[in-house]
């Protein structure tokens, strides 16, 4: 394994574990103090997790460790599945007051920044992420592939490749140079017609995208677009969904306004990002169709605080103020209605590694601590259609985290993860 050792590890056994390649045939025996599996409400004590290679073999009451196994003593910790963030932007520059920053950075520089973001995210306990769009098209594919090869440390990534957006829409880098003068790799998903939308979808899937990200309404952090205004048409959205679903790929829609959200749901998208201005009828429609909501209810405070101090565009700050409280009210109502909700933060708007700050907001606005944890573990895996991550049961990847405090008593404990394991290998 090529990860760089960081932080205090668990003695010589942990050091030996770090030195072992994930591909090597080996057995690891994790002794858990309290175990949250990510799918049930039960908290088990005195249970141990047997790992063979990268996957969980068994979860059972502790006994004698298998012969030759490396023992990891987490008996003083709460052990949970590795966390999942469904809305990140690892392979991109962070948000700032400089509108031109994404244009100034080359694709290579952007990927290197992404590698740093990936390391920080993994250290924070997020062993899987959905990366939902980049300005420099396909840099997320490059980063994902580098992580999969072991070239750089990072979470498992599922990537969109680019934004599917109308010209000058919420997925474009507006306000820097005339959009027609932007480099081609910054306009890979721009589509003016249903036919172009279908063709762009095919192109991104052919070039490594794992799912498709559509821009169904204007954006808060984009010049010249309004969050409540629909952008991609119902016909464009339907064309995108038809192509993606025919290839077994999911589609998510950036959508703040009620009309845009409804257009996306009726077109058959699998999930909605933000959903800031969702009204009662829209939430009921999401519940009827089983559509998932990925609502980033933490970062409005970060934008207001840091964005104001750093001089972010006044248009950004105005739109953030118009959507933050409305989004939190919509989130609370969605919880009451039992609409499907996955953990999604928009990491990249705020610094990577702060992802777990959202847990406290989810609890404040209606979820129990266990529901919030499940939204970032078993439920998040369900939203992605994954049966290999998110839950501590046999045959899933041995991705897990350990925290000294009890997150069911203090959900803020997840903001400081003590230990992280990915694929049976101790990361920190």
Protein backbone atom coordinates (compact mmCIF):
# COMPACT_ATOMS: atom_id res chain seq x y z
CA UNK A 1 0.00 0.00 0.00
CA UNK A 2 1.27 3.47 -0.89
CA UNK A 3 -0.53 5.52 1.75
CA UNK A 4 1.63 7.75 3.94
CA UNK A 5 1.32 6.93 7.62
CA UNK A 6 -0.33 9.73 9.62
CA UNK A 7 -1.43 10.11 13.21
CA UNK A 8 -1.12 7.75 16.14
CA UNK A 9 -1.70 4.12 15.19
CA UNK A 10 -2.43 1.10 17.30
CA UNK A 11 1.00 -0.29 18.07
CA UNK A 12 3.02 -2.76 16.08
CA UNK A 13 -0.03 -4.66 14.80
CA UNK A 14 -1.37 -1.55 13.13
CA UNK A 15 2.04 -0.78 11.64
CA UNK A 16 2.17 -4.27 10.18
CA UNK A 17 -1.33 -3.80 8.80
CA UNK A 18 -0.33 -0.56 7.10
CA UNK A 19 2.59 -2.29 5.42
CA UNK A 20 0.36 -4.95 3.91
CA UNK A 21 -0.94 -4.59 0.39
CA UNK A 22 -4.77 -4.55 0.10
CA UNK A 23 -4.45 -7.26 -2.54
CA UNK A 24 -2.53 -9.61 -0.28
CA UNK A 25 -4.40 -12.60 1.19
CA UNK A 26 -4.59 -11.81 4.88
CA UNK A 27 -7.00 -11.90 7.81
CA UNK A 28 -7.75 -8.99 10.13
CA UNK A 29 -9.75 -9.29 13.34
CA UNK A 30 -11.31 -6.04 14.62
CA UNK A 31 -12.49 -5.97 18.22
CA UNK A 32 -15.30 -3.39 18.47
CA UNK A 33 -16.47 -1.84 21.72
CA UNK A 34 -19.81 -0.64 20.36
CA UNK A 35 -20.83 -1.53 16.84
CA UNK A 36 -23.28 0.39 14.62
CA UNK A 37 -23.81 -1.55 11.40
CA UNK A 38 -25.34 1.24 9.28
CA UNK A 39 -28.64 -0.51 8.58
CA UNK A 40 -30.27 -1.56 11.87
CA UNK A 41 -30.98 0.56 14.94
CA UNK A 42 -29.21 -1.92 17.20
CA UNK A 43 -25.95 -1.05 18.92
CA UNK A 44 -24.03 -4.26 19.58
CA UNK A 45 -21.31 -4.71 22.17
CA UNK A 46 -18.63 -7.36 22.40
CA UNK A 47 -18.69 -8.06 18.67
CA UNK A 48 -15.74 -8.64 16.38
CA UNK A 49 -15.36 -8.20 12.63
CA UNK A 50 -13.38 -10.75 10.67
CA UNK A 51 -11.89 -9.42 7.43
CA UNK A 52 -10.34 -11.43 4.65
CA UNK A 53 -8.58 -9.38 2.01
CA UNK A 54 -10.63 -6.25 1.38
CA UNK A 55 -14.00 -7.59 2.50
CA UNK A 56 -15.84 -8.49 5.67
CA UNK A 57 -16.14 -12.24 6.23
CA UNK A 58 -18.11 -12.26 9.47
CA UNK A 59 -19.53 -10.10 12.26
CA UNK A 60 -20.13 -12.07 15.45
CA UNK A 61 -19.61 -12.10 19.21
CA UNK A 62 -15.90 -11.96 19.97
CA UNK A 63 -14.00 -15.16 20.54
CA UNK A 64 -10.59 -16.46 19.65
CA UNK A 65 -9.02 -14.58 16.77
CA UNK A 66 -8.41 -16.67 13.64
CA UNK A 67 -4.93 -18.20 13.47
CA UNK A 68 -2.49 -15.78 11.89
CA UNK A 69 -4.91 -12.84 11.99
CA UNK A 70 -3.79 -9.30 12.69
CA UNK A 71 -5.81 -8.06 15.67
CA UNK A 72 -7.01 -4.46 15.78
CA UNK A 73 -8.18 -3.50 19.27
CA UNK A 74 -11.00 -0.98 18.98
CA UNK A 75 -12.69 -2.26 22.13
CA UNK A 76 -12.78 1.27 23.59
CA UNK A 77 -14.39 2.76 20.47
CA UNK A 78 -17.69 3.00 18.64
CA UNK A 79 -17.13 1.35 15.27
CA UNK A 80 -19.25 2.38 12.27
CA UNK A 81 -19.14 1.80 8.52
CA UNK A 82 -16.92 4.16 6.58
CA UNK A 83 -18.90 7.34 5.95
CA UNK A 84 -20.31 8.29 2.53
CA UNK A 85 -20.80 11.83 1.21
CA UNK A 86 -23.11 11.94 -1.80
CA UNK A 87 -22.29 15.50 -2.89
CA UNK A 88 -18.62 16.48 -3.10
CA UNK A 89 -16.32 18.28 -5.53
CA UNK A 90 -12.91 16.72 -4.83
CA UNK A 91 -11.46 17.10 -8.33
CA UNK A 92 -11.85 20.85 -8.49
CA UNK A 93 -10.60 24.05 -6.86
CA UNK A 94 -12.34 25.21 -3.71
CA UNK A 95 -14.88 28.03 -3.73
CA UNK A 96 -13.40 31.52 -3.44
CA UNK A 97 -13.96 35.13 -4.39
CA UNK A 98 -11.94 34.62 -7.58
CA UNK A 99 -14.41 33.66 -10.31
CA UNK A 100 -11.57 32.87 -12.70
CA UNK A 101 -9.76 30.42 -10.41
CA UNK A 102 -10.97 27.27 -12.23
CA UNK A 103 -9.82 28.74 -15.55
CA UNK A 104 -6.40 29.71 -14.21
CA UNK A 105 -5.64 26.16 -13.08
CA UNK A 106 -4.64 23.63 -15.72
CA UNK A 107 -6.29 20.19 -15.76
CA UNK A 108 -3.09 18.72 -14.27
CA UNK A 109 -3.00 21.25 -11.45
CA UNK A 110 -6.69 20.65 -10.81
CA UNK A 111 -6.13 16.90 -10.42
CA UNK A 112 -3.22 17.52 -8.02
CA UNK A 113 -5.45 19.75 -5.90
CA UNK A 114 -8.01 16.94 -6.06
CA UNK A 115 -5.45 14.47 -4.73
CA UNK A 116 -4.92 16.67 -1.70
CA UNK A 117 -8.68 16.95 -1.21
CA UNK A 118 -9.04 13.19 -1.47
CA UNK A 119 -6.45 12.57 1.26
CA UNK A 120 -8.14 15.03 3.64
CA UNK A 121 -11.55 13.53 2.96
CA UNK A 122 -10.35 10.00 3.67
CA UNK A 123 -8.67 11.12 6.89
CA UNK A 124 -12.00 12.62 7.98
CA UNK A 125 -13.62 9.18 7.81
CA UNK A 126 -15.33 9.43 4.43
CA UNK A 127 -14.27 6.26 2.65
CA UNK A 128 -16.68 6.73 -0.28
CA UNK A 129 -17.93 9.81 -2.11
CA UNK A 130 -20.02 10.74 -5.06
CA UNK A 131 -18.23 13.55 -6.92
CA UNK A 132 -21.02 15.48 -8.58
CA UNK A 133 -19.31 17.66 -11.16
CA UNK A 134 -16.20 19.54 -12.16
CA UNK A 135 -15.48 22.62 -14.24
CA UNK A 136 -12.47 20.94 -15.90
CA UNK A 137 -14.23 18.02 -17.52
CA UNK A 138 -13.08 14.48 -16.66
CA UNK A 139 -10.54 15.53 -14.02
CA UNK A 140 -12.72 13.57 -11.61
CA UNK A 141 -12.32 10.46 -13.78
CA UNK A 142 -8.53 10.89 -13.65
CA UNK A 143 -8.55 11.26 -9.86
CA UNK A 144 -10.86 8.29 -9.37
CA UNK A 145 -8.61 6.11 -11.52
CA UNK A 146 -5.48 7.21 -9.66
CA UNK A 147 -7.08 6.28 -6.33
CA UNK A 148 -8.22 2.92 -7.69
CA UNK A 149 -4.67 2.16 -8.88
CA UNK A 150 -3.22 3.09 -5.51
CA UNK A 151 -1.25 6.04 -6.89
CA UNK A 152 -2.79 8.42 -4.34
CA UNK A 153 -4.81 7.82 -1.15
CA UNK A 154 -8.44 8.74 -1.17
CA UNK A 155 -12.01 7.53 -0.83
CA UNK A 156 -13.78 5.33 -3.32
CA UNK A 157 -15.14 7.77 -5.93
CA UNK A 158 -18.13 7.69 -8.23
CA UNK A 159 -17.91 10.57 -10.67
CA UNK A 160 -20.05 12.57 -13.08
CA UNK A 161 -17.38 13.74 -15.53
CA UNK A 162 -18.95 17.18 -16.09
CA UNK A 163 -22.20 19.09 -15.61
CA UNK A 164 -25.08 18.60 -18.09
CA UNK A 165 -26.22 22.22 -18.39
CA UNK A 166 -27.77 24.71 -20.79
CA UNK A 167 -25.48 27.39 -22.32
CA UNK A 168 -24.71 30.01 -19.67
CA UNK A 169 -26.61 27.92 -17.13
CA UNK A 170 -25.82 26.94 -13.55
CA UNK A 171 -23.16 24.44 -14.65
CA UNK A 172 -21.10 26.91 -16.68
CA UNK A 173 -18.21 29.11 -15.53
CA UNK A 174 -20.06 32.36 -16.12
CA UNK A 175 -18.78 35.90 -15.71
CA UNK A 176 -15.10 35.35 -16.53
CA UNK A 177 -14.76 35.39 -20.32
CA UNK A 178 -17.44 34.92 -22.98
CA UNK A 179 -18.55 31.34 -22.51
CA UNK A 180 -17.80 30.50 -26.14
CA UNK A 181 -14.13 31.30 -25.41
CA UNK A 182 -13.82 28.85 -22.52
CA UNK A 183 -11.63 25.79 -23.18
CA UNK A 184 -13.50 22.81 -24.65
CA UNK A 185 -12.89 20.71 -21.53
CA UNK A 186 -14.92 23.26 -19.56
CA UNK A 187 -17.98 22.82 -21.80
CA UNK A 188 -18.21 19.05 -22.22
CA UNK A 189 -21.76 18.97 -20.86
CA UNK A 190 -23.25 22.08 -22.43
CA UNK A 191 -26.42 21.23 -24.38
CA UNK A 192 -29.02 23.45 -26.04
CA UNK A 193 -31.44 20.75 -27.29
CA UNK A 194 -32.65 17.30 -26.22
CA UNK A 195 -30.54 15.78 -28.97
CA UNK A 196 -27.41 17.54 -27.72
CA UNK A 197 -28.25 16.52 -24.16
CA UNK A 198 -28.48 12.86 -25.20
CA UNK A 199 -25.21 13.10 -27.14
CA UNK A 200 -23.39 14.75 -24.21
CA UNK A 201 -24.68 12.04 -21.90
CA UNK A 202 -23.33 9.35 -24.21
CA UNK A 203 -19.97 11.12 -24.45
CA UNK A 204 -19.54 11.36 -20.67
CA UNK A 205 -20.51 7.75 -20.09
CA UNK A 206 -18.16 6.63 -22.86
CA UNK A 207 -15.35 8.55 -21.18
CA UNK A 208 -15.68 7.14 -17.70
CA UNK A 209 -18.57 8.84 -15.90
CA UNK A 210 -20.26 6.59 -13.33
CA UNK A 211 -23.51 8.59 -13.31
CA UNK A 212 -24.87 11.80 -14.81
CA UNK A 213 -25.29 15.16 -13.08
CA UNK A 214 -27.88 17.49 -14.62
CA UNK A 215 -28.47 21.17 -13.86
CA UNK A 216 -32.26 21.50 -13.74
CA UNK A 217 -32.37 24.99 -12.20
CA UNK A 218 -30.12 27.96 -11.72
CA UNK A 219 -27.48 27.91 -9.01
CA UNK A 220 -26.55 29.88 -5.91
CA UNK A 221 -22.83 29.88 -6.76
CA UNK A 222 -23.02 30.75 -10.44
CA UNK A 223 -23.21 34.22 -11.97
CA UNK A 224 -26.34 35.14 -13.91
CA UNK A 225 -28.57 32.24 -12.86
CA UNK A 226 -31.39 32.08 -10.31
CA UNK A 227 -31.97 29.05 -8.05
CA UNK A 228 -35.73 29.13 -8.52
CA UNK A 229 -35.62 29.27 -12.32
CA UNK A 230 -35.84 26.05 -14.39
CA UNK A 231 -32.98 25.52 -16.87
CA UNK A 232 -32.76 22.13 -18.58
CA UNK A 233 -36.17 21.51 -20.13
CA UNK A 234 -38.36 18.50 -19.34
CA UNK A 235 -37.52 17.19 -22.82
CA UNK A 236 -33.77 17.54 -22.25
CA UNK A 237 -34.01 15.87 -18.85
CA UNK A 238 -36.04 13.00 -20.29
CA UNK A 239 -33.49 12.51 -23.08
CA UNK A 240 -30.64 12.36 -20.57
CA UNK A 241 -32.46 9.89 -18.32
CA UNK A 242 -33.36 7.66 -21.28
CA UNK A 243 -29.72 7.33 -22.38
CA UNK A 244 -28.31 6.88 -18.88
CA UNK A 245 -30.89 4.39 -17.66
CA UNK A 246 -30.52 2.32 -20.83
CA UNK A 247 -26.88 1.85 -19.80
CA UNK A 248 -27.70 1.09 -16.18
CA UNK A 249 -26.47 4.47 -14.92
CA UNK A 250 -28.20 6.79 -12.48
CA UNK A 251 -29.02 10.45 -12.97
CA UNK A 252 -29.07 13.17 -10.35
CA UNK A 253 -30.34 16.72 -10.78
CA UNK A 254 -29.09 19.95 -9.25
CA UNK A 255 -32.42 21.61 -8.55
CA UNK A 256 -33.34 24.33 -6.06
CA UNK A 257 -36.73 25.57 -7.31
CA UNK A 258 -39.97 23.62 -7.07
CA UNK A 259 -40.73 23.64 -10.80
CA UNK A 260 -37.24 22.45 -11.72
CA UNK A 261 -37.38 19.72 -9.08
CA UNK A 262 -40.74 18.55 -10.39
CA UNK A 263 -39.47 18.58 -13.97
CA UNK A 264 -36.55 16.38 -12.94
CA UNK A 265 -38.64 13.93 -10.91
CA UNK A 266 -41.20 13.59 -13.69
CA UNK A 267 -38.36 12.96 -16.15
CA UNK A 268 -37.25 10.02 -14.02
CA UNK A 269 -34.09 11.24 -12.30
CA UNK A 270 -32.98 9.15 -9.35
CA UNK A 271 -32.06 11.94 -6.94
CA UNK A 272 -32.25 15.68 -6.39
CA UNK A 273 -29.35 17.82 -5.16
CA UNK A 274 -30.13 20.76 -2.85
CA UNK A 275 -33.97 20.87 -3.12
CA UNK A 276 -33.78 24.23 -1.35
CA UNK A 277 -37.15 25.64 -2.40
CA UNK A 278 -39.13 22.40 -2.41
CA UNK A 279 -42.73 23.00 -1.38
CA UNK A 280 -45.24 20.52 0.02
CA UNK A 281 -46.42 19.31 -3.38
CA UNK A 282 -42.84 18.80 -4.53
CA UNK A 283 -41.89 16.81 -1.44
CA UNK A 284 -45.00 14.68 -1.83
CA UNK A 285 -44.03 14.03 -5.46
CA UNK A 286 -40.55 12.95 -4.37
CA UNK A 287 -42.07 10.58 -1.83
CA UNK A 288 -44.48 9.14 -4.41
CA UNK A 289 -41.68 8.42 -6.90
CA UNK A 290 -39.15 7.27 -4.30
CA UNK A 291 -36.77 10.01 -5.45
CA UNK A 292 -33.84 10.66 -3.15
CA UNK A 293 -33.00 14.10 -1.77
CA UNK A 294 -29.38 15.14 -1.19
CA UNK A 295 -29.68 18.35 0.84
CA UNK A 296 -26.57 20.29 1.89
CA UNK A 297 -27.99 22.05 4.93
CA UNK A 298 -24.67 22.92 6.60
CA UNK A 299 -22.84 25.04 4.07
CA UNK A 300 -25.26 27.98 4.00
CA UNK A 301 -23.72 29.13 7.27
CA UNK A 302 -20.20 28.72 5.89
CA UNK A 303 -21.04 30.78 2.80
CA UNK A 304 -22.60 33.54 4.88
CA UNK A 305 -19.65 33.70 7.28
CA UNK A 306 -16.59 33.07 5.13
CA UNK A 307 -18.08 34.33 1.87
CA UNK A 308 -18.89 37.67 3.47
CA UNK A 309 -15.44 37.99 5.06
CA UNK A 310 -13.64 37.04 1.82
CA UNK A 311 -15.73 39.20 -0.49
CA UNK A 312 -17.51 36.55 -2.54
CA UNK A 313 -19.79 38.04 -5.20
CA UNK A 314 -22.78 39.86 -3.74
CA UNK A 315 -25.02 37.82 -6.04
CA UNK A 316 -23.80 34.61 -4.39
CA UNK A 317 -24.42 35.95 -0.89
CA UNK A 318 -27.89 37.22 -1.77
CA UNK A 319 -28.97 33.89 -3.26
CA UNK A 320 -27.49 31.98 -0.32
CA UNK A 321 -29.58 34.05 2.10
CA UNK A 322 -32.68 33.44 0.01
CA UNK A 323 -32.25 29.66 0.09
CA UNK A 324 -30.58 28.63 3.37
CA UNK A 325 -33.52 28.84 5.79
CA UNK A 326 -35.97 27.63 3.15
CA UNK A 327 -33.81 24.57 2.52
CA UNK A 328 -33.65 23.70 6.19
CA UNK A 329 -37.41 24.01 6.53
CA UNK A 330 -37.84 21.76 3.48
CA UNK A 331 -35.39 19.26 4.99
CA UNK A 332 -37.36 19.16 8.23
CA UNK A 333 -40.60 18.55 6.35
CA UNK A 334 -38.98 15.87 4.19
CA UNK A 335 -37.89 14.06 7.36
CA UNK A 336 -41.45 14.24 8.68
CA UNK A 337 -42.78 12.82 5.41
CA UNK A 338 -40.11 10.07 5.41
CA UNK A 339 -38.84 11.07 1.98
CA UNK A 340 -35.61 9.29 1.06
CA UNK A 341 -32.67 11.42 2.24
CA UNK A 342 -28.96 10.72 1.81
CA UNK A 343 -26.00 12.51 3.39
CA UNK A 344 -24.73 15.20 1.01
CA UNK A 345 -22.69 18.27 1.90
CA UNK A 346 -21.36 20.10 -1.20
CA UNK A 347 -17.80 19.73 0.09
CA UNK A 348 -15.62 22.07 -1.92
CA UNK A 349 -17.85 25.03 -1.19
CA UNK A 350 -16.32 24.74 2.28
CA UNK A 351 -12.91 23.11 2.94
CA UNK A 352 -12.72 19.37 2.40
CA UNK A 353 -12.56 17.41 5.63
CA UNK A 354 -15.32 19.41 7.31
CA UNK A 355 -17.97 17.05 5.88
CA UNK A 356 -19.09 15.69 9.25
CA UNK A 357 -20.14 19.14 10.44
CA UNK A 358 -23.45 18.52 8.68
CA UNK A 359 -24.47 15.71 11.06
CA UNK A 360 -25.36 18.19 13.81
CA UNK A 361 -27.52 20.16 11.38
CA UNK A 362 -29.40 17.05 10.29
CA UNK A 363 -30.17 16.26 13.91
CA UNK A 364 -31.15 19.85 14.63
CA UNK A 365 -33.58 19.84 11.73
CA UNK A 366 -35.40 16.63 12.48
CA UNK A 367 -33.35 13.44 12.25
CA UNK A 368 -32.36 11.26 15.17
CA UNK A 369 -28.61 10.65 15.53
CA UNK A 370 -29.07 7.09 14.24
CA UNK A 371 -31.03 8.32 11.21
CA UNK A 372 -28.27 10.83 10.46
CA UNK A 373 -25.61 8.10 10.71
CA UNK A 374 -27.62 5.77 8.47
CA UNK A 375 -28.05 8.58 5.92
CA UNK A 376 -24.25 8.53 5.53
CA UNK A 377 -23.84 4.75 5.61
CA UNK A 378 -26.48 2.19 4.63
CA UNK A 379 -28.97 4.68 3.23
CA UNK A 380 -26.31 6.47 1.19
CA UNK A 381 -25.22 3.15 -0.30
CA UNK A 382 -28.85 2.42 -1.13
CA UNK A 383 -29.20 5.76 -2.89
CA UNK A 384 -26.18 4.93 -5.03
CA UNK A 385 -27.44 1.42 -5.75
CA UNK A 386 -24.34 -0.05 -4.13
CA UNK A 387 -24.30 -3.38 -2.31
CA UNK A 388 -20.57 -3.36 -1.57
CA UNK A 389 -20.21 -0.38 0.82
CA UNK A 390 -22.01 1.38 3.65
CA UNK A 391 -22.90 -1.52 5.98
CA UNK A 392 -20.87 -3.73 8.31
CA UNK A 393 -22.10 -7.11 7.10
CA UNK A 394 -20.39 -10.00 5.30
CA UNK A 395 -19.25 -9.48 1.70
CA UNK A 396 -19.13 -5.67 1.90
CA UNK A 397 -15.85 -3.78 1.73
CA UNK A 398 -14.14 -3.55 5.09
CA UNK A 399 -14.49 0.24 5.23
CA UNK A 400 -15.01 1.47 8.78
CA UNK A 401 -14.27 4.23 11.26
CA UNK A 402 -13.80 4.32 15.02
CA UNK A 403 -14.59 7.14 17.43
CA UNK A 404 -13.87 7.25 21.15
CA UNK A 405 -17.06 9.09 22.03
CA UNK A 406 -20.59 7.81 21.47
CA UNK A 407 -22.07 9.57 18.40
CA UNK A 408 -25.60 8.59 19.46
CA UNK A 409 -25.12 10.73 22.55
CA UNK A 410 -23.10 13.45 20.83
CA UNK A 411 -23.40 13.41 17.04
CA UNK A 412 -20.60 15.98 16.94
CA UNK A 413 -18.20 13.17 17.83
CA UNK A 414 -18.13 12.27 14.13
CA UNK A 415 -16.36 15.55 13.42
CA UNK A 416 -13.20 14.05 14.95
CA UNK A 417 -12.66 10.51 13.71
CA UNK A 418 -10.00 8.60 15.64
CA UNK A 419 -9.30 5.76 13.20
CA UNK A 420 -10.14 5.00 9.58
CA UNK A 421 -9.96 1.71 7.68
CA UNK A 422 -10.52 1.28 3.95
CA UNK A 423 -10.65 -2.13 2.35
CA UNK A 424 -9.23 -3.78 5.47
CA UNK A 425 -6.21 -1.47 5.57
CA UNK A 426 -5.75 0.97 8.43
CA UNK A 427 -5.43 4.49 7.03
CA UNK A 428 -5.14 6.35 10.34
